Amino acid sequence: MIDLRAARADPEGFRKALSRKGAAEIFDELLEADARWRELETQASELRAQTKTKGKPSPEELERLKELKARLQEVEAEHEQAAQRRQELLDRVPNPPDASVPDGETEDDAVELRRVGEPPSFGFEPRDHIDLAAPHGWIDLERAARVSGARFAYRTGDAALVELALYRFALDRVLARGHTLVLPPVLVREEAMYGTGFLPTEEVNIYRIERDELYLTGTSEVGIAGFHMGEELDGLPRRYAGYSTNFRREAGAAGKDTRGMFRVHQFDKVEMFVFCEPDRSGEEHEALLALEEELVQEVGLPYRVVNVAAGDLGASASKKYDIEAWFPGQERYREITSTSSTTDYQARRLGIRFRRERKLEPVHTLNGTAMTARWLIALMENFQDEAGAIAVPSVLTQFGAPPKLA
């Protein structure tokens, strides 16, 4: 959540920044609710002071005390309701975007920072990953639909080995940079979802197990962020790398990316996560991006880096970079990794702090995707030949991938 004291001190600055996320109106409601809460807090304190008497009260004073206590009860009840309302609004106000984030509402408003590598030039009509996989059964959507419904996929044989090699490759490189491996739970309580900013929401993209009051996570960010929930940390920064299966409803993607396995309900992912001191978060964010770029370059995919627009950021993110690989089957760049700075937004909700000059402060948190199955389909489409065979990058063979898909 935002720092309410800082917001009171600079309401115009916060309002201007939050308007870029379409949240100026709810911020104004929060300030009104906060002002009312503080007004009632003052009234309650004054009434409590007036109920304190010295010596034995007279009958008149007893009557007056009775009236004061009745009024105090009313004010305290109203104060409790005001506190509830203030908290509800505070929970819904997103993290203000960083000043370096471009304006805009959609992925088309992102600002391109650089392109690396040239899209392949084929002397034939390139196929997408579904057409490449079809003769071999590497990706089976039809059977998955019979078993689980739309937007699920079986990966079989050598293609499955390549996908597993991609995860192992990413983990090898990330762990070598000092990240600690975590295999987190994928079912979490509401506190963890709230703490990472995925709640409150309309929950249209979240799988909830109502009987057990648990949620299936859409990223291991949730489990890793919650790892230190309610703790005081030292030895910062702390860097982790999580591997998990993730689940998303993709309710807002109806009719979008329906072909193939670009956008599915279940997918595996290697996720990086950092807890650090506030003055290091900018440096840590650039380091996560640099590591992601190194992975893409080592695999050999052509890509571009974009600075995501303010209105396209999630509630927790202050700034986000996307790396988009070239997909010949779509003839466009599409996201395969991202990295976000969430400043102290998640740490305030999760109660994760560190001590500086004897004072406790919220840490800053950052996350970054190192690998998903989108890399498999990008690899298939970029490294295909006219016969439909796919050259697997040699860096993956040491992690169990075959040298070629054919």
Protein backbone atom coordinates (compact mmCIF):
# COMPACT_ATOMS: atom_id res chain seq x y z
CA MET A 1 0.00 0.00 0.00
CA ILE A 2 1.08 3.60 -0.36
CA ASP A 3 2.63 5.58 2.48
CA LEU A 4 -0.37 7.54 3.77
CA ARG A 5 1.79 10.01 5.67
CA ALA A 6 3.72 10.81 2.52
CA ALA A 7 0.43 11.19 0.63
CA ARG A 8 -0.87 13.68 3.21
CA ALA A 9 2.35 15.69 2.90
CA ASP A 10 2.23 15.81 -0.92
CA PRO A 11 -1.34 15.19 -2.05
CA GLU A 12 -0.92 16.98 -5.38
CA GLY A 13 2.19 15.00 -6.26
CA PHE A 14 0.49 11.70 -5.46
CA ARG A 15 -2.70 12.69 -7.28
CA LYS A 16 -0.78 13.68 -10.42
CA ALA A 17 1.18 10.42 -10.43
CA LEU A 18 -1.85 8.23 -9.67
CA SER A 19 -3.90 9.90 -12.39
CA ARG A 20 -1.51 8.23 -14.86
CA LYS A 21 -2.84 4.89 -13.56
CA GLY A 22 -6.44 6.12 -13.65
CA ALA A 23 -6.56 6.23 -9.85
CA ALA A 24 -6.86 9.95 -9.04
CA GLU A 25 -10.53 9.65 -8.08
CA ILE A 26 -10.05 6.80 -5.62
CA PHE A 27 -7.05 8.64 -4.15
CA ASP A 28 -9.27 11.67 -3.50
CA GLU A 29 -11.80 9.39 -1.80
CA LEU A 30 -8.99 8.01 0.35
CA LEU A 31 -7.90 11.48 1.45
CA GLU A 32 -11.49 12.39 2.34
CA ALA A 33 -11.90 9.17 4.32
CA ASP A 34 -8.58 9.75 6.04
CA ALA A 35 -9.54 13.33 6.99
CA ARG A 36 -12.82 12.07 8.44
CA TRP A 37 -11.01 9.32 10.37
CA ARG A 38 -8.57 11.84 11.85
CA GLU A 39 -11.42 14.22 12.74
CA LEU A 40 -13.21 11.43 14.63
CA GLU A 41 -9.93 10.36 16.24
CA THR A 42 -9.56 13.89 17.63
CA GLN A 43 -13.16 14.00 18.80
CA ALA A 44 -12.82 10.65 20.57
CA SER A 45 -9.59 11.73 22.30
CA GLU A 46 -11.19 14.97 23.50
CA LEU A 47 -14.26 13.15 24.82
CA ARG A 48 -12.11 10.61 26.66
CA ALA A 49 -10.19 13.46 28.31
CA GLN A 50 -13.46 15.08 29.41
CA THR A 51 -14.67 11.86 31.06
CA LYS A 52 -11.70 11.86 33.43
CA THR A 53 -12.61 13.46 36.76
CA LYS A 54 -10.88 14.08 40.06
CA GLY A 55 -12.66 13.29 43.29
CA LYS A 56 -16.26 12.29 43.75
CA PRO A 57 -18.46 13.79 41.02
CA SER A 58 -21.59 15.73 41.91
CA PRO A 59 -25.03 14.59 40.63
CA GLU A 60 -24.78 17.24 37.90
CA GLU A 61 -21.34 15.99 36.91
CA LEU A 62 -22.57 12.40 36.89
CA GLU A 63 -25.32 13.37 34.46
CA ARG A 64 -22.81 15.21 32.30
CA LEU A 65 -20.45 12.19 32.39
CA LYS A 66 -23.30 9.94 31.32
CA GLU A 67 -23.99 12.18 28.33
CA LEU A 68 -20.27 12.34 27.47
CA LYS A 69 -19.89 8.56 27.58
CA ALA A 70 -22.95 8.09 25.40
CA ARG A 71 -21.52 10.56 22.91
CA LEU A 72 -18.12 8.84 23.11
CA GLN A 73 -19.69 5.51 22.25
CA GLU A 74 -21.32 7.07 19.18
CA VAL A 75 -18.07 8.68 18.07
CA GLU A 76 -16.06 5.48 18.63
CA ALA A 77 -18.56 3.49 16.58
CA GLU A 78 -18.38 6.06 13.79
CA HIS A 79 -14.59 6.12 14.11
CA GLU A 80 -14.44 2.35 13.64
CA GLN A 81 -16.57 2.57 10.51
CA ALA A 82 -14.39 5.40 9.21
CA ALA A 83 -11.27 3.32 9.85
CA GLN A 84 -12.79 0.43 7.91
CA ARG A 85 -13.67 2.68 5.00
CA ARG A 86 -10.21 4.25 5.00
CA GLN A 87 -8.53 0.83 4.95
CA GLU A 88 -10.75 -0.40 2.12
CA LEU A 89 -9.76 2.58 -0.01
CA LEU A 90 -6.09 2.35 0.97
CA ASP A 91 -6.08 -1.30 -0.13
CA ARG A 92 -7.35 -0.28 -3.58
CA VAL A 93 -5.03 2.64 -4.30
CA PRO A 94 -2.20 1.38 -6.56
CA ASN A 95 1.49 2.14 -6.34
CA PRO A 96 2.22 5.47 -8.09
CA PRO A 97 4.25 5.02 -11.30
CA ASP A 98 7.85 6.12 -11.40
CA ALA A 99 8.50 9.43 -13.16
CA SER A 100 10.49 7.59 -15.87
CA VAL A 101 7.46 5.51 -16.87
CA PRO A 102 5.73 6.67 -20.11
CA ASP A 103 2.09 7.73 -20.24
CA GLY A 104 -0.48 5.45 -21.83
CA GLU A 105 -3.01 2.72 -21.16
CA THR A 106 -2.10 -0.31 -23.29
CA GLU A 107 0.86 -2.41 -24.41
CA ASP A 108 0.98 -0.34 -27.59
CA ASP A 109 1.89 2.71 -25.48
CA ALA A 110 5.10 1.12 -24.16
CA VAL A 111 8.29 2.90 -25.20
CA GLU A 112 10.90 0.83 -27.00
CA LEU A 113 14.35 1.19 -25.43
CA ARG A 114 16.40 -1.04 -27.74
CA ARG A 115 16.37 -3.95 -30.18
CA VAL A 116 18.94 -6.72 -30.14
CA GLY A 117 19.39 -9.23 -32.96
CA GLU A 118 17.67 -9.37 -36.33
CA PRO A 119 14.47 -11.34 -36.97
CA PRO A 120 15.32 -14.39 -39.12
CA SER A 121 14.94 -14.09 -42.87
CA PHE A 122 13.45 -17.27 -44.29
CA GLY A 123 13.51 -18.33 -47.92
CA PHE A 124 10.16 -20.00 -47.30
CA GLU A 125 6.88 -19.29 -45.53
CA PRO A 126 7.64 -19.82 -41.81
CA ARG A 127 5.22 -21.90 -39.75
CA ASP A 128 3.99 -21.11 -36.27
CA HIS A 129 4.65 -23.46 -33.35
CA ILE A 130 1.35 -25.32 -33.78
CA ASP A 131 2.00 -26.20 -37.42
CA LEU A 132 5.58 -27.15 -36.58
CA ALA A 133 4.45 -29.37 -33.70
CA ALA A 134 1.48 -31.03 -35.43
CA PRO A 135 3.29 -33.78 -37.41
CA HIS A 136 5.13 -34.94 -34.28
CA GLY A 137 2.51 -34.39 -31.58
CA TRP A 138 4.91 -32.18 -29.62
CA ILE A 139 2.10 -29.86 -28.52
CA ASP A 140 -1.32 -31.44 -28.14
CA LEU A 141 -4.12 -28.95 -27.57
CA GLU A 142 -6.95 -31.23 -28.67
CA ARG A 143 -6.33 -33.90 -26.03
CA ALA A 144 -5.72 -31.20 -23.41
CA ALA A 145 -9.10 -29.65 -24.28
CA ARG A 146 -10.80 -33.02 -23.76
CA VAL A 147 -9.14 -33.42 -20.38
CA SER A 148 -9.10 -29.85 -19.06
CA GLY A 149 -10.84 -27.50 -21.49
CA ALA A 150 -9.56 -24.66 -23.65
CA ARG A 151 -6.18 -22.97 -23.07
CA PHE A 152 -4.39 -26.05 -21.77
CA ALA A 153 -1.61 -27.96 -23.55
CA TYR A 154 0.23 -31.25 -23.43
CA ARG A 155 3.93 -31.06 -24.39
CA THR A 156 5.41 -34.42 -25.28
CA GLY A 157 8.64 -36.12 -26.32
CA ASP A 158 11.62 -34.03 -27.33
CA ALA A 159 9.69 -30.76 -27.13
CA ALA A 160 9.00 -31.45 -23.45
CA LEU A 161 12.71 -32.12 -22.94
CA VAL A 162 13.56 -28.78 -24.54
CA GLU A 163 11.10 -26.96 -22.29
CA LEU A 164 12.53 -28.61 -19.16
CA ALA A 165 16.04 -27.76 -20.35
CA LEU A 166 15.03 -24.10 -20.67
CA TYR A 167 13.96 -24.01 -17.01
CA ARG A 168 17.12 -25.77 -15.88
CA PHE A 169 19.27 -23.43 -17.99
CA ALA A 170 17.60 -20.36 -16.49
CA LEU A 171 17.98 -21.66 -12.94
CA ASP A 172 21.66 -22.48 -13.54
CA ARG A 173 22.42 -18.95 -14.72
CA VAL A 174 20.33 -17.18 -12.08
CA LEU A 175 21.66 -19.22 -9.16
CA ALA A 176 25.20 -18.49 -10.36
CA ARG A 177 24.39 -14.80 -9.78
CA GLY A 178 23.69 -15.36 -6.10
CA HIS A 179 19.96 -16.10 -6.07
CA THR A 180 18.77 -18.81 -3.67
CA LEU A 181 16.50 -21.49 -5.14
CA VAL A 182 12.98 -21.71 -3.70
CA LEU A 183 10.27 -24.22 -4.59
CA PRO A 184 7.27 -22.36 -3.17
CA PRO A 185 3.70 -23.52 -2.45
CA VAL A 186 1.25 -22.71 -5.23
CA LEU A 187 -1.77 -22.71 -2.91
CA VAL A 188 -1.70 -19.70 -0.59
CA ARG A 189 -3.94 -17.92 1.88
CA GLU A 190 -5.67 -14.63 1.25
CA GLU A 191 -3.02 -12.76 3.29
CA ALA A 192 -0.32 -13.63 0.73
CA MET A 193 -2.49 -12.62 -2.23
CA TYR A 194 -3.40 -9.37 -0.51
CA GLY A 195 0.19 -8.73 0.51
CA THR A 196 1.46 -8.90 -3.05
CA GLY A 197 -1.30 -6.66 -4.36
CA PHE A 198 -3.32 -9.32 -6.21
CA LEU A 199 -6.22 -8.67 -3.82
CA PRO A 200 -8.57 -6.89 -3.50
CA THR A 201 -9.69 -7.35 -7.09
CA GLU A 202 -12.66 -8.67 -9.01
CA GLU A 203 -10.80 -12.00 -9.00
CA VAL A 204 -11.71 -12.70 -12.62
CA ASN A 205 -8.17 -13.91 -13.35
CA ILE A 206 -7.64 -15.81 -10.11
CA TYR A 207 -8.42 -19.44 -9.30
CA ARG A 208 -9.87 -19.72 -5.81
CA ILE A 209 -10.45 -22.92 -3.83
CA GLU A 210 -13.42 -21.72 -1.79
CA ARG A 211 -13.78 -24.85 0.34
CA ASP A 212 -10.26 -24.43 1.72
CA GLU A 213 -10.06 -20.62 1.50
CA LEU A 214 -6.94 -20.88 -0.63
CA TYR A 215 -5.85 -19.38 -3.95
CA LEU A 216 -3.85 -20.90 -6.79
CA THR A 217 -1.02 -18.49 -7.53
CA GLY A 218 -0.45 -16.96 -10.95
CA THR A 219 3.25 -16.49 -10.19
CA SER A 220 5.73 -17.75 -7.60
CA GLU A 221 6.21 -14.07 -6.74
CA VAL A 222 3.32 -14.54 -4.29
CA GLY A 223 4.88 -17.45 -2.42
CA ILE A 224 8.37 -15.93 -2.35
CA ALA A 225 7.17 -12.48 -1.25
CA GLY A 226 5.22 -14.14 1.55
CA PHE A 227 8.29 -16.14 2.61
CA HIS A 228 9.38 -13.24 4.87
CA MET A 229 5.89 -11.99 5.77
CA GLY A 230 5.91 -10.17 9.12
CA GLU A 231 9.69 -10.38 9.49
CA GLU A 232 12.51 -7.94 10.17
CA LEU A 233 15.30 -8.60 7.66
CA ASP A 234 19.02 -8.05 7.83
CA GLY A 235 21.74 -8.98 5.39
CA LEU A 236 20.04 -7.20 2.50
CA PRO A 237 19.74 -7.60 -0.40
CA ARG A 238 18.20 -11.08 -0.40
CA ARG A 239 17.77 -12.60 -3.83
CA TYR A 240 15.67 -15.67 -4.62
CA ALA A 241 14.73 -17.71 -7.67
CA GLY A 242 11.50 -19.67 -7.61
CA TYR A 243 10.30 -22.46 -9.89
CA SER A 244 6.61 -23.31 -9.88
CA THR A 245 3.53 -24.13 -11.89
CA ASN A 246 1.21 -21.13 -12.21
CA PHE A 247 -2.49 -20.67 -12.92
CA ARG A 248 -4.36 -17.78 -14.53
CA ARG A 249 -7.93 -17.57 -15.74
CA GLU A 250 -7.04 -15.12 -18.54
CA ALA A 251 -10.62 -13.88 -18.31
CA GLY A 252 -9.67 -10.53 -19.83
CA ALA A 253 -8.17 -12.28 -22.85
CA ALA A 254 -11.36 -13.70 -24.35
CA GLY A 255 -10.77 -14.14 -28.07
CA LYS A 256 -7.13 -13.04 -27.72
CA ASP A 257 -4.18 -15.32 -28.53
CA THR A 258 -6.49 -18.32 -28.79
CA ARG A 259 -4.24 -20.17 -31.24
CA GLY A 260 -1.55 -22.31 -29.72
CA MET A 261 -0.03 -22.12 -26.26
CA PHE A 262 1.00 -18.47 -26.12
CA ARG A 263 -1.69 -17.67 -23.53
CA VAL A 264 -2.76 -20.62 -21.39
CA HIS A 265 -4.33 -21.26 -17.98
CA GLN A 266 -1.46 -23.37 -16.62
CA PHE A 267 2.24 -22.78 -17.20
CA ASP A 268 5.61 -23.22 -15.52
CA LYS A 269 7.95 -20.36 -14.74
CA VAL A 270 11.30 -19.44 -13.21
CA GLU A 271 10.80 -16.22 -11.25
CA MET A 272 13.43 -14.00 -9.63
CA PHE A 273 12.63 -11.99 -6.51
CA VAL A 274 14.64 -9.45 -4.51
CA PHE A 275 14.27 -7.86 -1.08
CA CYS A 276 16.53 -4.81 -0.74
CA GLU A 277 17.07 -1.44 0.91
CA PRO A 278 15.15 1.43 -0.75
CA ASP A 279 18.23 3.19 -2.14
CA ARG A 280 19.27 0.00 -3.97
CA SER A 281 16.00 -0.83 -5.72
CA GLY A 282 16.78 1.10 -8.90
CA GLU A 283 20.11 -0.67 -9.23
CA GLU A 284 18.52 -4.05 -8.50
CA HIS A 285 15.85 -3.44 -11.14
CA GLU A 286 18.44 -2.75 -13.83
CA ALA A 287 20.40 -5.82 -12.71
CA LEU A 288 17.34 -8.06 -13.12
CA LEU A 289 16.75 -6.66 -16.60
CA ALA A 290 20.41 -7.19 -17.54
CA LEU A 291 20.24 -10.81 -16.36
CA GLU A 292 17.06 -11.42 -18.36
CA GLU A 293 18.73 -9.96 -21.46
CA GLU A 294 21.76 -12.20 -21.00
CA LEU A 295 19.50 -15.25 -20.97
CA VAL A 296 17.74 -14.22 -24.19
CA GLN A 297 21.06 -13.44 -25.88
CA GLU A 298 22.58 -16.77 -24.86
CA VAL A 299 19.63 -18.66 -26.35
CA GLY A 300 19.92 -16.44 -29.43
CA LEU A 301 16.41 -15.02 -29.75
CA PRO A 302 15.96 -11.62 -31.42
CA TYR A 303 14.24 -9.27 -28.99
CA ARG A 304 13.42 -5.76 -27.92
CA VAL A 305 13.13 -4.10 -24.50
CA VAL A 306 10.22 -1.79 -23.69
CA ASN A 307 9.36 0.50 -20.79
CA VAL A 308 5.72 -0.35 -19.99
CA ALA A 309 3.18 2.51 -19.92
CA ALA A 310 1.78 3.71 -16.59
CA GLY A 311 -1.81 2.66 -17.29
CA ASP A 312 -0.67 -0.85 -18.26
CA LEU A 313 1.13 -1.47 -14.95
CA GLY A 314 -0.33 -3.72 -12.28
CA ALA A 315 -1.41 -2.30 -8.94
CA SER A 316 1.90 -3.07 -7.21
CA ALA A 317 4.32 -2.05 -9.94
CA SER A 318 6.00 1.33 -9.96
CA LYS A 319 7.99 0.51 -13.10
CA LYS A 320 8.16 -2.47 -15.42
CA TYR A 321 10.35 -3.55 -18.31
CA ASP A 322 9.17 -6.16 -20.80
CA ILE A 323 11.44 -8.18 -23.06
CA GLU A 324 9.62 -9.11 -26.24
CA ALA A 325 10.99 -11.81 -28.53
CA TRP A 326 10.27 -11.94 -32.24
CA PHE A 327 7.63 -14.53 -33.15
CA PRO A 328 7.75 -15.32 -36.91
CA GLY A 329 4.36 -17.04 -36.71
CA GLN A 330 2.77 -13.78 -35.52
CA GLU A 331 5.21 -11.48 -37.35
CA ARG A 332 5.58 -9.32 -34.27
CA TYR A 333 7.42 -8.96 -30.98
CA ARG A 334 5.66 -10.49 -27.98
CA GLU A 335 6.48 -10.53 -24.27
CA ILE A 336 8.52 -13.45 -22.97
CA THR A 337 9.86 -11.90 -19.73
CA SER A 338 9.27 -8.86 -17.56
CA THR A 339 10.75 -7.30 -14.46
CA SER A 340 8.98 -4.94 -12.06
CA SER A 341 9.94 -2.68 -9.19
CA THR A 342 7.18 -2.56 -6.57
CA THR A 343 9.13 -0.22 -4.23
CA ASP A 344 7.71 -0.52 -0.68
CA TYR A 345 4.12 -1.26 -1.78
CA GLN A 346 4.16 -5.01 -1.13
CA ALA A 347 6.42 -4.77 1.92
CA ARG A 348 3.96 -2.43 3.70
CA ARG A 349 1.14 -4.90 3.15
CA LEU A 350 3.24 -7.90 4.14
CA GLY A 351 4.91 -6.22 7.11
CA ILE A 352 8.47 -6.86 5.88
CA ARG A 353 10.92 -4.34 7.30
CA PHE A 354 14.59 -3.68 7.98
CA ARG A 355 16.29 -1.54 10.59
CA ARG A 356 18.21 1.59 9.63
CA GLU A 357 19.58 3.96 12.28
CA ARG A 358 17.49 2.12 14.91
CA LYS A 359 14.32 2.80 12.94
CA LEU A 360 12.22 0.14 11.19
CA GLU A 361 11.39 0.83 7.53
CA PRO A 362 9.69 -1.22 4.81
CA VAL A 363 12.06 -2.97 2.43
CA HIS A 364 11.71 -2.64 -1.34
CA THR A 365 10.75 -5.67 -3.43
CA LEU A 366 11.36 -6.49 -7.08
CA ASN A 367 10.46 -9.41 -9.32
CA GLY A 368 11.55 -10.63 -12.71
CA THR A 369 10.66 -13.56 -14.96
CA ALA A 370 13.65 -15.62 -16.05
CA MET A 371 11.85 -18.32 -18.08
CA THR A 372 8.41 -19.48 -19.24
CA ALA A 373 7.13 -21.90 -21.89
CA ARG A 374 6.81 -18.97 -24.29
CA TRP A 375 10.54 -19.39 -24.86
CA LEU A 376 9.88 -22.87 -26.25
CA ILE A 377 7.49 -21.63 -28.90
CA ALA A 378 9.71 -18.62 -29.73
CA LEU A 379 12.65 -21.01 -30.14
CA MET A 380 10.63 -23.32 -32.38
CA GLU A 381 9.50 -20.52 -34.66
CA ASN A 382 12.86 -18.72 -34.93
CA PHE A 383 15.10 -21.75 -35.48
CA GLN A 384 12.98 -23.74 -37.96
CA ASP A 385 14.08 -24.87 -41.41
CA GLU A 386 12.08 -25.46 -44.56
CA ALA A 387 11.54 -29.12 -43.69
CA GLY A 388 10.06 -28.19 -40.31
CA ALA A 389 13.05 -29.29 -38.24
CA ILE A 390 14.15 -27.03 -35.40
CA ALA A 391 17.78 -26.41 -34.41
CA VAL A 392 17.97 -26.37 -30.61
CA PRO A 393 20.50 -23.87 -29.20
CA SER A 394 23.59 -25.80 -28.11
CA VAL A 395 23.52 -24.20 -24.66
CA LEU A 396 20.44 -26.30 -23.86
CA THR A 397 21.88 -29.71 -24.69
CA GLN A 398 23.88 -29.85 -21.44
CA PHE A 399 20.54 -29.58 -19.63
CA GLY A 400 18.96 -32.56 -21.40
CA ALA A 401 17.63 -31.05 -24.63
CA PRO A 402 18.16 -32.89 -27.92
CA PRO A 403 20.29 -31.04 -30.50
CA LYS A 404 17.38 -30.91 -32.92
CA LEU A 405 13.61 -31.25 -32.99
CA ALA A 406 12.71 -33.24 -36.08
